[in-house]
Amino acid sequence: MHSRLKYPVPAVAAIILRGSEILLVKRASEPGLGKWSAPGGSVEIGETLEQALSREVREETGLEIEIGELAGVSDLIVRRDGIIRFHYVLIDYFAAVRSGEPVAATDVSECRWVPLEQIGRYDVTESLLDRLRKHGLISVGG
């Protein structure tokens, strides 16, 4: 079965590290409702990837960030009942906090600093876990 979607949606996320901790946000909407992930969202028309990333992090957490290196690109394709419900091209960047303290806002119900060695205690999106493993930030088991 096919989807009504015509094209994948570009989306950005910030892997924000502070020492041995990562900032996680709990998703308040689909896809990933109730899961923990990196802050981010869809790129709007006319935005660069960096502009979209800064805006999404500010909207979700109130933080101003310094964007670092590209962490990777991957697809997030969510199928339900044989139909593609979501297809995002995820573009992840490493980032650091420039100013502010994280406070959950749009699209997230919680945000918190989590020690990387404790990430397995959270229901984290597989795409974020994969990215962290590929960069050697967590072990294979999470």
N, C-alpha and C. Protein backbone atom coordinates (compact mmCIF):
# COMPACT_ATOMS: atom_id res chain seq x y z
N MET A 1 0.84 -1.18 0.00
CA MET A 1 0.00 0.00 0.00
C MET A 1 0.88 1.24 0.00
N HIS A 2 0.36 2.30 -0.51
CA HIS A 2 1.12 3.52 -0.64
C HIS A 2 0.62 4.60 0.31
N SER A 3 1.39 5.63 0.40
CA SER A 3 1.09 6.77 1.24
C SER A 3 0.51 7.89 0.40
N ARG A 4 -0.13 8.85 1.04
CA ARG A 4 -0.56 10.06 0.36
C ARG A 4 0.59 11.06 0.28
N LEU A 5 1.68 10.77 0.96
CA LEU A 5 2.84 11.65 0.92
C LEU A 5 3.44 11.62 -0.47
N LYS A 6 3.89 12.77 -0.95
CA LYS A 6 4.52 12.82 -2.26
C LYS A 6 6.04 12.80 -2.16
N TYR A 7 6.57 13.45 -1.10
CA TYR A 7 8.01 13.59 -0.96
C TYR A 7 8.41 13.44 0.50
N PRO A 8 9.65 13.02 0.75
CA PRO A 8 10.15 13.04 2.12
C PRO A 8 10.27 14.48 2.61
N VAL A 9 10.21 14.66 3.93
CA VAL A 9 10.32 15.98 4.55
C VAL A 9 11.71 16.11 5.16
N PRO A 10 12.45 17.18 4.81
CA PRO A 10 13.74 17.39 5.46
C PRO A 10 13.54 17.83 6.91
N ALA A 11 14.31 17.25 7.81
CA ALA A 11 14.22 17.58 9.23
C ALA A 11 15.62 17.62 9.82
N VAL A 12 15.78 18.45 10.85
CA VAL A 12 17.07 18.62 11.50
C VAL A 12 16.94 18.30 12.98
N ALA A 13 18.06 17.88 13.58
CA ALA A 13 18.10 17.63 15.02
C ALA A 13 19.47 18.00 15.54
N ALA A 14 19.50 18.44 16.80
CA ALA A 14 20.75 18.86 17.44
C ALA A 14 21.14 17.87 18.52
N ILE A 15 22.29 17.26 18.36
CA ILE A 15 22.86 16.41 19.40
C ILE A 15 23.67 17.36 20.28
N ILE A 16 23.05 17.79 21.38
CA ILE A 16 23.65 18.80 22.24
C ILE A 16 24.33 18.09 23.41
N LEU A 17 25.64 18.24 23.45
CA LEU A 17 26.44 17.60 24.50
C LEU A 17 26.96 18.63 25.47
N ARG A 18 27.04 18.22 26.74
CA ARG A 18 27.64 19.04 27.80
C ARG A 18 28.47 18.08 28.64
N GLY A 19 29.77 18.07 28.35
CA GLY A 19 30.63 17.08 29.00
C GLY A 19 30.19 15.70 28.60
N SER A 20 29.86 14.85 29.57
CA SER A 20 29.43 13.47 29.28
C SER A 20 27.91 13.35 29.31
N GLU A 21 27.20 14.47 29.18
CA GLU A 21 25.73 14.46 29.17
C GLU A 21 25.20 14.88 27.80
N ILE A 22 23.98 14.43 27.52
CA ILE A 22 23.28 14.80 26.30
C ILE A 22 21.92 15.38 26.69
N LEU A 23 21.47 16.38 25.94
CA LEU A 23 20.15 16.94 26.18
C LEU A 23 19.13 16.10 25.43
N LEU A 24 18.18 15.53 26.17
CA LEU A 24 17.10 14.77 25.57
C LEU A 24 15.79 15.51 25.75
N VAL A 25 14.91 15.38 24.75
CA VAL A 25 13.55 15.93 24.84
C VAL A 25 12.57 14.78 24.63
N LYS A 26 11.44 14.87 25.32
CA LYS A 26 10.39 13.85 25.18
C LYS A 26 9.35 14.37 24.20
N ARG A 27 9.17 13.65 23.11
CA ARG A 27 8.27 14.06 22.03
C ARG A 27 6.81 14.09 22.49
N ALA A 28 6.13 15.19 22.16
CA ALA A 28 4.72 15.35 22.53
C ALA A 28 3.80 15.15 21.32
N SER A 29 4.38 14.77 20.17
CA SER A 29 3.57 14.52 18.98
C SER A 29 4.25 13.46 18.12
N GLU A 30 3.52 12.96 17.16
CA GLU A 30 4.06 11.96 16.23
C GLU A 30 4.97 12.64 15.21
N PRO A 31 5.91 11.91 14.62
CA PRO A 31 6.28 10.55 14.98
C PRO A 31 7.12 10.55 16.26
N GLY A 32 7.12 9.45 16.94
CA GLY A 32 7.92 9.32 18.15
C GLY A 32 7.23 9.83 19.40
N LEU A 33 5.92 9.95 19.38
CA LEU A 33 5.18 10.41 20.56
C LEU A 33 5.60 9.63 21.80
N GLY A 34 6.02 10.35 22.85
CA GLY A 34 6.40 9.73 24.12
C GLY A 34 7.83 9.24 24.18
N LYS A 35 8.53 9.26 23.05
CA LYS A 35 9.93 8.82 23.04
C LYS A 35 10.86 10.00 23.31
N TRP A 36 12.05 9.68 23.79
CA TRP A 36 13.09 10.68 24.02
C TRP A 36 13.96 10.77 22.78
N SER A 37 14.35 11.98 22.44
CA SER A 37 15.19 12.18 21.26
C SER A 37 15.97 13.48 21.40
N ALA A 38 16.66 13.83 20.34
CA ALA A 38 17.35 15.11 20.27
C ALA A 38 16.35 16.17 19.81
N PRO A 39 16.48 17.40 20.29
CA PRO A 39 15.55 18.45 19.84
C PRO A 39 15.73 18.74 18.35
N GLY A 40 14.61 19.00 17.68
CA GLY A 40 14.67 19.32 16.26
C GLY A 40 13.30 19.23 15.63
N GLY A 41 13.28 19.38 14.32
CA GLY A 41 12.01 19.33 13.60
C GLY A 41 12.20 19.64 12.12
N SER A 42 11.10 19.90 11.46
CA SER A 42 11.08 20.10 10.01
C SER A 42 11.70 21.42 9.60
N VAL A 43 12.31 21.38 8.43
CA VAL A 43 12.86 22.59 7.80
C VAL A 43 11.70 23.29 7.09
N GLU A 44 11.55 24.58 7.34
CA GLU A 44 10.50 25.36 6.68
C GLU A 44 11.03 25.96 5.39
N ILE A 45 10.14 26.24 4.48
CA ILE A 45 10.52 26.81 3.19
C ILE A 45 11.30 28.11 3.39
N GLY A 46 12.40 28.24 2.70
CA GLY A 46 13.23 29.43 2.77
C GLY A 46 14.28 29.41 3.87
N GLU A 47 14.27 28.39 4.72
CA GLU A 47 15.27 28.28 5.79
C GLU A 47 16.46 27.46 5.34
N THR A 48 17.63 27.84 5.80
CA THR A 48 18.77 26.97 5.66
C THR A 48 18.66 25.90 6.75
N LEU A 49 19.44 24.84 6.62
CA LEU A 49 19.44 23.80 7.66
C LEU A 49 19.82 24.38 9.01
N GLU A 50 20.83 25.24 9.02
CA GLU A 50 21.29 25.84 10.28
C GLU A 50 20.23 26.75 10.90
N GLN A 51 19.53 27.52 10.07
CA GLN A 51 18.46 28.38 10.58
C GLN A 51 17.33 27.53 11.17
N ALA A 52 16.97 26.47 10.47
CA ALA A 52 15.92 25.58 10.96
C ALA A 52 16.32 24.94 12.28
N LEU A 53 17.57 24.51 12.38
CA LEU A 53 18.04 23.87 13.60
C LEU A 53 18.01 24.84 14.78
N SER A 54 18.52 26.04 14.57
CA SER A 54 18.51 27.04 15.64
C SER A 54 17.07 27.35 16.08
N ARG A 55 16.16 27.52 15.11
CA ARG A 55 14.77 27.82 15.43
C ARG A 55 14.11 26.68 16.19
N GLU A 56 14.28 25.46 15.71
CA GLU A 56 13.64 24.30 16.36
C GLU A 56 14.13 24.12 17.79
N VAL A 57 15.43 24.24 18.00
CA VAL A 57 15.97 24.08 19.36
C VAL A 57 15.45 25.20 20.26
N ARG A 58 15.40 26.42 19.75
CA ARG A 58 14.88 27.55 20.54
C ARG A 58 13.40 27.32 20.88
N GLU A 59 12.61 26.88 19.89
CA GLU A 59 11.17 26.65 20.12
C GLU A 59 10.93 25.53 21.13
N GLU A 60 11.71 24.47 21.04
CA GLU A 60 11.47 23.31 21.90
C GLU A 60 12.08 23.42 23.28
N THR A 61 13.19 24.15 23.40
CA THR A 61 13.92 24.16 24.68
C THR A 61 14.24 25.55 25.22
N GLY A 62 14.11 26.59 24.41
CA GLY A 62 14.49 27.93 24.81
C GLY A 62 15.98 28.21 24.73
N LEU A 63 16.76 27.25 24.27
CA LEU A 63 18.21 27.40 24.20
C LEU A 63 18.67 28.07 22.92
N GLU A 64 19.74 28.85 23.03
CA GLU A 64 20.47 29.33 21.86
C GLU A 64 21.69 28.42 21.75
N ILE A 65 21.96 27.95 20.53
CA ILE A 65 23.03 26.97 20.35
C ILE A 65 24.10 27.45 19.37
N GLU A 66 25.23 26.82 19.51
CA GLU A 66 26.33 26.94 18.55
C GLU A 66 26.35 25.63 17.78
N ILE A 67 26.14 25.71 16.48
CA ILE A 67 26.06 24.50 15.66
C ILE A 67 27.46 24.06 15.27
N GLY A 68 27.71 22.76 15.46
CA GLY A 68 29.00 22.18 15.13
C GLY A 68 28.95 21.36 13.86
N GLU A 69 29.68 20.27 13.88
CA GLU A 69 29.82 19.40 12.72
C GLU A 69 28.55 18.61 12.43
N LEU A 70 28.41 18.24 11.17
CA LEU A 70 27.35 17.34 10.75
C LEU A 70 27.58 15.99 11.43
N ALA A 71 26.55 15.47 12.08
CA ALA A 71 26.66 14.17 12.76
C ALA A 71 26.22 13.03 11.85
N GLY A 72 25.40 13.35 10.84
CA GLY A 72 24.97 12.31 9.92
C GLY A 72 23.61 12.60 9.32
N VAL A 73 23.30 11.83 8.28
CA VAL A 73 22.04 11.94 7.56
C VAL A 73 21.44 10.54 7.47
N SER A 74 20.13 10.43 7.71
CA SER A 74 19.46 9.13 7.62
C SER A 74 17.99 9.34 7.29
N ASP A 75 17.32 8.26 6.99
CA ASP A 75 15.88 8.30 6.73
C ASP A 75 15.12 7.79 7.94
N LEU A 76 13.98 8.42 8.21
CA LEU A 76 13.03 7.91 9.19
C LEU A 76 11.73 7.67 8.43
N ILE A 77 11.43 6.40 8.21
CA ILE A 77 10.22 6.03 7.50
C ILE A 77 9.35 5.23 8.46
N VAL A 78 8.15 5.74 8.73
CA VAL A 78 7.24 5.11 9.67
C VAL A 78 6.05 4.56 8.89
N ARG A 79 5.88 3.23 8.98
CA ARG A 79 4.75 2.56 8.32
C ARG A 79 3.78 2.05 9.38
N ARG A 80 2.52 2.23 9.13
CA ARG A 80 1.47 1.66 9.97
C ARG A 80 0.41 1.08 9.06
N ASP A 81 0.00 -0.14 9.34
CA ASP A 81 -1.00 -0.82 8.52
C ASP A 81 -0.59 -0.86 7.05
N GLY A 82 0.71 -1.00 6.81
CA GLY A 82 1.21 -1.11 5.45
C GLY A 82 1.28 0.20 4.69
N ILE A 83 0.99 1.31 5.35
CA ILE A 83 1.00 2.62 4.70
C ILE A 83 2.11 3.48 5.31
N ILE A 84 2.84 4.19 4.46
CA ILE A 84 3.86 5.10 4.95
C ILE A 84 3.16 6.33 5.53
N ARG A 85 3.32 6.52 6.84
CA ARG A 85 2.69 7.64 7.54
C ARG A 85 3.61 8.86 7.62
N PHE A 86 4.92 8.59 7.76
CA PHE A 86 5.91 9.66 7.85
C PHE A 86 7.16 9.23 7.10
N HIS A 87 7.78 10.17 6.42
CA HIS A 87 9.09 9.94 5.82
C HIS A 87 9.87 11.24 5.96
N TYR A 88 10.83 11.22 6.87
CA TYR A 88 11.71 12.35 7.10
C TYR A 88 13.12 11.99 6.68
N VAL A 89 13.83 12.94 6.10
CA VAL A 89 15.26 12.82 5.90
C VAL A 89 15.87 13.58 7.07
N LEU A 90 16.48 12.85 8.01
CA LEU A 90 17.02 13.43 9.23
C LEU A 90 18.45 13.90 9.01
N ILE A 91 18.69 15.17 9.31
CA ILE A 91 20.02 15.76 9.18
C ILE A 91 20.42 16.21 10.58
N ASP A 92 21.33 15.46 11.19
CA ASP A 92 21.72 15.71 12.58
C ASP A 92 23.05 16.44 12.64
N TYR A 93 23.11 17.40 13.55
CA TYR A 93 24.33 18.15 13.81
C TYR A 93 24.69 18.04 15.28
N PHE A 94 25.97 18.09 15.58
CA PHE A 94 26.40 18.28 16.95
C PHE A 94 26.23 19.76 17.28
N ALA A 95 25.94 20.05 18.53
CA ALA A 95 25.76 21.45 18.93
C ALA A 95 26.14 21.61 20.40
N ALA A 96 26.37 22.85 20.79
CA ALA A 96 26.67 23.20 22.17
C ALA A 96 25.76 24.37 22.56
N VAL A 97 25.47 24.47 23.83
CA VAL A 97 24.62 25.57 24.32
C VAL A 97 25.44 26.85 24.31
N ARG A 98 24.88 27.88 23.71
CA ARG A 98 25.48 29.21 23.73
C ARG A 98 24.93 29.98 24.93
N SER A 99 23.58 29.86 25.15
CA SER A 99 22.97 30.53 26.30
C SER A 99 21.62 29.89 26.61
N GLY A 100 21.21 30.05 27.88
CA GLY A 100 19.91 29.59 28.32
C GLY A 100 19.98 28.31 29.13
N GLU A 101 18.84 28.00 29.74
CA GLU A 101 18.63 26.74 30.46
C GLU A 101 17.46 26.03 29.78
N PRO A 102 17.55 24.72 29.56
CA PRO A 102 16.50 24.03 28.83
C PRO A 102 15.16 23.99 29.59
N VAL A 103 14.11 24.37 28.87
CA VAL A 103 12.74 24.32 29.39
C VAL A 103 11.87 23.75 28.27
N ALA A 104 11.09 22.73 28.56
CA ALA A 104 10.23 22.10 27.55
C ALA A 104 9.20 23.11 27.05
N ALA A 105 9.07 23.17 25.72
CA ALA A 105 8.09 24.08 25.11
C ALA A 105 7.40 23.35 23.96
N THR A 106 7.26 23.98 22.81
CA THR A 106 6.50 23.41 21.70
C THR A 106 6.99 22.01 21.32
N ASP A 107 6.06 21.12 21.07
CA ASP A 107 6.32 19.77 20.57
C ASP A 107 7.05 18.83 21.52
N VAL A 108 7.42 19.29 22.71
CA VAL A 108 8.06 18.41 23.68
C VAL A 108 7.39 18.58 25.04
N SER A 109 7.29 17.48 25.79
CA SER A 109 6.66 17.54 27.11
C SER A 109 7.68 17.63 28.24
N GLU A 110 8.93 17.22 27.97
CA GLU A 110 10.00 17.29 28.97
C GLU A 110 11.33 17.47 28.26
N CYS A 111 12.29 18.02 28.96
CA CYS A 111 13.67 18.03 28.47
C CYS A 111 14.58 17.93 29.69
N ARG A 112 15.69 17.21 29.50
CA ARG A 112 16.63 17.05 30.62
C ARG A 112 18.00 16.62 30.11
N TRP A 113 19.00 16.97 30.92
CA TRP A 113 20.36 16.50 30.68
C TRP A 113 20.46 15.09 31.23
N VAL A 114 20.98 14.18 30.42
CA VAL A 114 21.10 12.77 30.78
C VAL A 114 22.54 12.33 30.57
N PRO A 115 23.15 11.72 31.58
CA PRO A 115 24.50 11.15 31.36
C PRO A 115 24.43 10.10 30.25
N LEU A 116 25.38 10.16 29.34
CA LEU A 116 25.37 9.21 28.22
C LEU A 116 25.34 7.76 28.69
N GLU A 117 26.00 7.47 29.82
CA GLU A 117 26.01 6.08 30.30
C GLU A 117 24.65 5.64 30.85
N GLN A 118 23.71 6.57 31.03
CA GLN A 118 22.37 6.24 31.53
C GLN A 118 21.29 6.30 30.44
N ILE A 119 21.69 6.51 29.21
CA ILE A 119 20.71 6.69 28.13
C ILE A 119 19.84 5.45 27.94
N GLY A 120 20.36 4.27 28.30
CA GLY A 120 19.59 3.03 28.18
C GLY A 120 18.38 2.97 29.10
N ARG A 121 18.31 3.85 30.08
CA ARG A 121 17.16 3.91 31.00
C ARG A 121 15.98 4.66 30.39
N TYR A 122 16.19 5.26 29.24
CA TYR A 122 15.16 6.08 28.59
C TYR A 122 14.70 5.39 27.30
N ASP A 123 13.45 5.63 26.93
CA ASP A 123 12.89 5.10 25.69
C ASP A 123 13.28 6.07 24.57
N VAL A 124 14.51 5.91 24.08
CA VAL A 124 15.10 6.83 23.11
C VAL A 124 14.85 6.32 21.70
N THR A 125 14.64 7.26 20.78
CA THR A 125 14.42 6.87 19.39
C THR A 125 15.62 6.09 18.86
N GLU A 126 15.33 5.10 18.04
CA GLU A 126 16.40 4.26 17.49
C GLU A 126 17.35 5.08 16.62
N SER A 127 16.82 6.08 15.93
CA SER A 127 17.69 6.89 15.07
C SER A 127 18.75 7.64 15.89
N LEU A 128 18.39 8.16 17.06
CA LEU A 128 19.37 8.84 17.90
C LEU A 128 20.37 7.84 18.46
N LEU A 129 19.89 6.69 18.92
CA LEU A 129 20.81 5.67 19.44
C LEU A 129 21.81 5.24 18.37
N ASP A 130 21.33 5.04 17.14
CA ASP A 130 22.22 4.66 16.04
C ASP A 130 23.29 5.71 15.82
N ARG A 131 22.87 6.98 15.83
CA ARG A 131 23.83 8.06 15.59
C ARG A 131 24.88 8.10 16.69
N LEU A 132 24.46 7.95 17.94
CA LEU A 132 25.39 7.99 19.07
C LEU A 132 26.36 6.80 19.02
N ARG A 133 25.86 5.64 18.62
CA ARG A 133 26.73 4.47 18.48
C ARG A 133 27.77 4.68 17.38
N LYS A 134 27.33 5.21 16.25
CA LYS A 134 28.24 5.42 15.11
C LYS A 134 29.37 6.36 15.46
N HIS A 135 29.13 7.29 16.38
CA HIS A 135 30.17 8.24 16.78
C HIS A 135 30.91 7.80 18.04
N GLY A 136 30.62 6.57 18.49
CA GLY A 136 31.34 6.03 19.65
C GLY A 136 30.99 6.69 20.97
N LEU A 137 29.81 7.32 21.04
CA LEU A 137 29.42 8.02 22.28
C LEU A 137 28.70 7.09 23.25
N ILE A 138 28.15 5.98 22.74
CA ILE A 138 27.56 4.95 23.61
C ILE A 138 27.98 3.60 23.06
N SER A 139 27.85 2.57 23.89
CA SER A 139 28.20 1.22 23.47
C SER A 139 27.09 0.68 22.58
N VAL A 140 27.35 -0.44 21.95
CA VAL A 140 26.39 -1.05 21.03
C VAL A 140 25.05 -1.30 21.72
N GLY A 141 25.07 -1.72 22.97
CA GLY A 141 23.82 -2.00 23.68
C GLY A 141 23.05 -0.78 24.10
N GLY A 142 23.64 0.39 23.98
CA GLY A 142 22.93 1.61 24.36
C GLY A 142 23.27 1.96 25.74
